[in-house]
Amino acid sequence: MKIMKSENRIPQPIEVEGATGVKKAGLVTGGDGSPTAAMRLFELARGGHTPWHAHDWEHVVYVLEGEGVLKSENGDASFAAGDSLLVDPDEEHNFVNTGDGPLKFICVVPLKGD
């Protein structure tokens, strides 16, 4: 058993093409001894968005604060704090903050996706 303190996991800016106003903190990682999954905290500034991308693993997401749109090749879906989302493997997608304040969500992926 291991407990990680979130105050020690400070979100850092994501500097990848197509990302705007995105920060990420690794809350549970392979470096913590997790054998299969990573849990990350994402923070998107007002108007921020992740890059358009796809990968061969799912995203399991819980929205903590704010509101946004999950854009995908299958259409757009609005979400808000308290919602859970599932992005299927190989589905092209991105997350967009459509609210007036920050958008914060937890995202769980296999370690290979971290």
C-alpha atoms as a PDB file:
ATOM      1  CA  MET A   1       0.000   0.000   0.000  1.00  0.00           C
ATOM      2  CA  LYS A   2       1.152   3.500  -0.757  1.00  0.00           C
ATOM      3  CA  ILE A   3      -0.415   6.941  -0.263  1.00  0.00           C
ATOM      4  CA  MET A   4       0.599   9.829  -2.495  1.00  0.00           C
ATOM      5  CA  LYS A   5      -0.172  13.372  -1.345  1.00  0.00           C
ATOM      6  CA  SER A   6      -1.725  15.445  -4.121  1.00  0.00           C
ATOM      7  CA  GLU A   7      -0.092  18.619  -2.819  1.00  0.00           C
ATOM      8  CA  ASN A   8       3.233  17.019  -3.826  1.00  0.00           C
ATOM      9  CA  ARG A   9       2.005  16.432  -7.394  1.00  0.00           C
ATOM     10  CA  ILE A  10       1.969  19.888  -8.935  1.00  0.00           C
ATOM     11  CA  PRO A  11       0.394  20.136 -12.422  1.00  0.00           C
ATOM     12  CA  GLN A  12       2.980  21.074 -15.057  1.00  0.00           C
ATOM     13  CA  PRO A  13       2.312  22.680 -18.448  1.00  0.00           C
ATOM     14  CA  ILE A  14       1.959  20.291 -21.382  1.00  0.00           C
ATOM     15  CA  GLU A  15       4.133  21.528 -24.237  1.00  0.00           C
ATOM     16  CA  VAL A  16       2.920  19.491 -27.219  1.00  0.00           C
ATOM     17  CA  GLU A  17       1.669  20.653 -30.595  1.00  0.00           C
ATOM     18  CA  GLY A  18      -2.084  21.214 -30.543  1.00  0.00           C
ATOM     19  CA  ALA A  19      -2.370  21.696 -26.767  1.00  0.00           C
ATOM     20  CA  THR A  20      -3.354  25.095 -25.369  1.00  0.00           C
ATOM     21  CA  GLY A  21      -3.589  25.970 -21.673  1.00  0.00           C
ATOM     22  CA  VAL A  22      -3.156  22.374 -20.449  1.00  0.00           C
ATOM     23  CA  LYS A  23      -1.419  21.217 -17.258  1.00  0.00           C
ATOM     24  CA  LYS A  24      -1.004  17.646 -16.011  1.00  0.00           C
ATOM     25  CA  ALA A  25       0.025  16.049 -12.723  1.00  0.00           C
ATOM     26  CA  GLY A  26       0.787  12.360 -12.295  1.00  0.00           C
ATOM     27  CA  LEU A  27      -1.199  11.367  -9.190  1.00  0.00           C
ATOM     28  CA  VAL A  28      -0.336   7.644  -9.410  1.00  0.00           C
ATOM     29  CA  THR A  29       2.344   6.479 -11.845  1.00  0.00           C
ATOM     30  CA  GLY A  30       4.554   3.546 -12.636  1.00  0.00           C
ATOM     31  CA  GLY A  31       7.229   5.327 -10.613  1.00  0.00           C
ATOM     32  CA  ASP A  32       4.988   4.931  -7.573  1.00  0.00           C
ATOM     33  CA  GLY A  33       4.903   1.177  -8.129  1.00  0.00           C
ATOM     34  CA  SER A  34       1.576   0.937  -9.960  1.00  0.00           C
ATOM     35  CA  PRO A  35       1.824  -2.218 -12.081  1.00  0.00           C
ATOM     36  CA  THR A  36      -0.830  -1.475 -14.722  1.00  0.00           C
ATOM     37  CA  ALA A  37      -2.556   1.935 -14.496  1.00  0.00           C
ATOM     38  CA  ALA A  38      -1.760   5.637 -14.193  1.00  0.00           C
ATOM     39  CA  MET A  39      -4.040   8.279 -12.710  1.00  0.00           C
ATOM     40  CA  ARG A  40      -3.491  11.851 -13.840  1.00  0.00           C
ATOM     41  CA  LEU A  41      -5.020  15.227 -12.988  1.00  0.00           C
ATOM     42  CA  PHE A  42      -5.569  17.540 -15.964  1.00  0.00           C
ATOM     43  CA  GLU A  43      -6.267  21.248 -15.654  1.00  0.00           C
ATOM     44  CA  LEU A  44      -7.383  23.204 -18.715  1.00  0.00           C
ATOM     45  CA  ALA A  45      -7.427  26.981 -18.553  1.00  0.00           C
ATOM     46  CA  ARG A  46     -10.432  28.904 -19.861  1.00  0.00           C
ATOM     47  CA  GLY A  47     -10.474  28.279 -23.625  1.00  0.00           C
ATOM     48  CA  GLY A  48      -7.832  25.549 -23.286  1.00  0.00           C
ATOM     49  CA  HIS A  49      -7.844  22.224 -25.114  1.00  0.00           C
ATOM     50  CA  THR A  50      -5.865  19.027 -25.449  1.00  0.00           C
ATOM     51  CA  PRO A  51      -4.461  18.041 -28.852  1.00  0.00           C
ATOM     52  CA  TRP A  52      -6.530  16.050 -31.335  1.00  0.00           C
ATOM     53  CA  HIS A  53      -5.220  12.499 -30.957  1.00  0.00           C
ATOM     54  CA  ALA A  54      -5.949   8.777 -30.801  1.00  0.00           C
ATOM     55  CA  HIS A  55      -4.255   5.781 -29.176  1.00  0.00           C
ATOM     56  CA  ASP A  56      -4.891   2.102 -28.617  1.00  0.00           C
ATOM     57  CA  TRP A  57      -6.069   2.431 -25.001  1.00  0.00           C
ATOM     58  CA  GLU A  58      -9.160   3.857 -23.349  1.00  0.00           C
ATOM     59  CA  HIS A  59      -9.465   7.014 -21.235  1.00  0.00           C
ATOM     60  CA  VAL A  60     -11.542   6.703 -18.065  1.00  0.00           C
ATOM     61  CA  VAL A  61     -12.350  10.236 -16.884  1.00  0.00           C
ATOM     62  CA  TYR A  62     -14.068  11.843 -13.894  1.00  0.00           C
ATOM     63  CA  VAL A  63     -14.759  15.596 -14.079  1.00  0.00           C
ATOM     64  CA  LEU A  64     -13.971  17.468 -10.850  1.00  0.00           C
ATOM     65  CA  GLU A  65     -14.638  21.074 -11.830  1.00  0.00           C
ATOM     66  CA  GLY A  66     -15.853  23.118 -14.777  1.00  0.00           C
ATOM     67  CA  GLU A  67     -17.480  22.198 -18.053  1.00  0.00           C
ATOM     68  CA  GLY A  68     -16.349  21.255 -21.501  1.00  0.00           C
ATOM     69  CA  VAL A  69     -16.867  19.355 -24.703  1.00  0.00           C
ATOM     70  CA  LEU A  70     -15.397  15.991 -25.571  1.00  0.00           C
ATOM     71  CA  LYS A  71     -14.880  16.193 -29.320  1.00  0.00           C
ATOM     72  CA  SER A  72     -14.456  12.944 -31.200  1.00  0.00           C
ATOM     73  CA  GLU A  73     -14.689  11.421 -34.622  1.00  0.00           C
ATOM     74  CA  ASN A  74     -18.137  10.223 -33.473  1.00  0.00           C
ATOM     75  CA  GLY A  75     -19.433  13.713 -32.622  1.00  0.00           C
ATOM     76  CA  ASP A  76     -19.263  16.193 -29.749  1.00  0.00           C
ATOM     77  CA  ALA A  77     -20.592  15.675 -26.224  1.00  0.00           C
ATOM     78  CA  SER A  78     -20.902  18.318 -23.507  1.00  0.00           C
ATOM     79  CA  PHE A  79     -19.961  17.417 -19.938  1.00  0.00           C
ATOM     80  CA  ALA A  80     -19.685  19.078 -16.520  1.00  0.00           C
ATOM     81  CA  ALA A  81     -18.429  18.498 -12.984  1.00  0.00           C
ATOM     82  CA  GLY A  82     -19.638  15.171 -11.627  1.00  0.00           C
ATOM     83  CA  ASP A  83     -19.768  13.447 -15.024  1.00  0.00           C
ATOM     84  CA  SER A  84     -17.811  10.323 -15.945  1.00  0.00           C
ATOM     85  CA  LEU A  85     -16.543   9.777 -19.489  1.00  0.00           C
ATOM     86  CA  LEU A  86     -15.163   6.872 -21.452  1.00  0.00           C
ATOM     87  CA  VAL A  87     -13.113   7.406 -24.612  1.00  0.00           C
ATOM     88  CA  ASP A  88     -12.768   4.166 -26.551  1.00  0.00           C
ATOM     89  CA  PRO A  89      -9.427   2.853 -27.824  1.00  0.00           C
ATOM     90  CA  ASP A  90      -8.453   4.242 -31.257  1.00  0.00           C
ATOM     91  CA  GLU A  91     -11.155   6.968 -31.106  1.00  0.00           C
ATOM     92  CA  GLU A  92      -9.780  10.321 -32.297  1.00  0.00           C
ATOM     93  CA  HIS A  93     -10.641  12.955 -29.695  1.00  0.00           C
ATOM     94  CA  ASN A  94      -9.769  15.996 -27.642  1.00  0.00           C
ATOM     95  CA  PHE A  95     -11.066  17.799 -24.558  1.00  0.00           C
ATOM     96  CA  VAL A  96     -12.068  21.486 -24.751  1.00  0.00           C
ATOM     97  CA  ASN A  97     -12.807  23.821 -21.827  1.00  0.00           C
ATOM     98  CA  THR A  98     -16.013  25.691 -22.702  1.00  0.00           C
ATOM     99  CA  GLY A  99     -16.634  27.173 -19.259  1.00  0.00           C
ATOM    100  CA  ASP A 100     -15.772  30.515 -17.690  1.00  0.00           C
ATOM    101  CA  GLY A 101     -13.235  29.014 -15.274  1.00  0.00           C
ATOM    102  CA  PRO A 102     -10.782  26.136 -15.136  1.00  0.00           C
ATOM    103  CA  LEU A 103     -11.700  22.605 -16.180  1.00  0.00           C
ATOM    104  CA  LYS A 104     -10.237  19.888 -13.939  1.00  0.00           C
ATOM    105  CA  PHE A 105     -10.557  16.155 -14.468  1.00  0.00           C
ATOM    106  CA  ILE A 106      -9.020  12.867 -13.390  1.00  0.00           C
ATOM    107  CA  CYS A 107      -7.949  10.556 -16.219  1.00  0.00           C
ATOM    108  CA  VAL A 108      -6.991   6.903 -15.737  1.00  0.00           C
ATOM    109  CA  VAL A 109      -5.084   5.058 -18.477  1.00  0.00           C
ATOM    110  CA  PRO A 110      -2.845   1.998 -18.756  1.00  0.00           C
ATOM    111  CA  LEU A 111       0.786   2.734 -17.870  1.00  0.00           C
ATOM    112  CA  LYS A 112       1.768   2.636 -21.543  1.00  0.00           C
ATOM    113  CA  GLY A 113      -0.511   5.673 -22.032  1.00  0.00           C
ATOM    114  CA  ASP A 114       1.133   7.806 -19.378  1.00  0.00           C
END
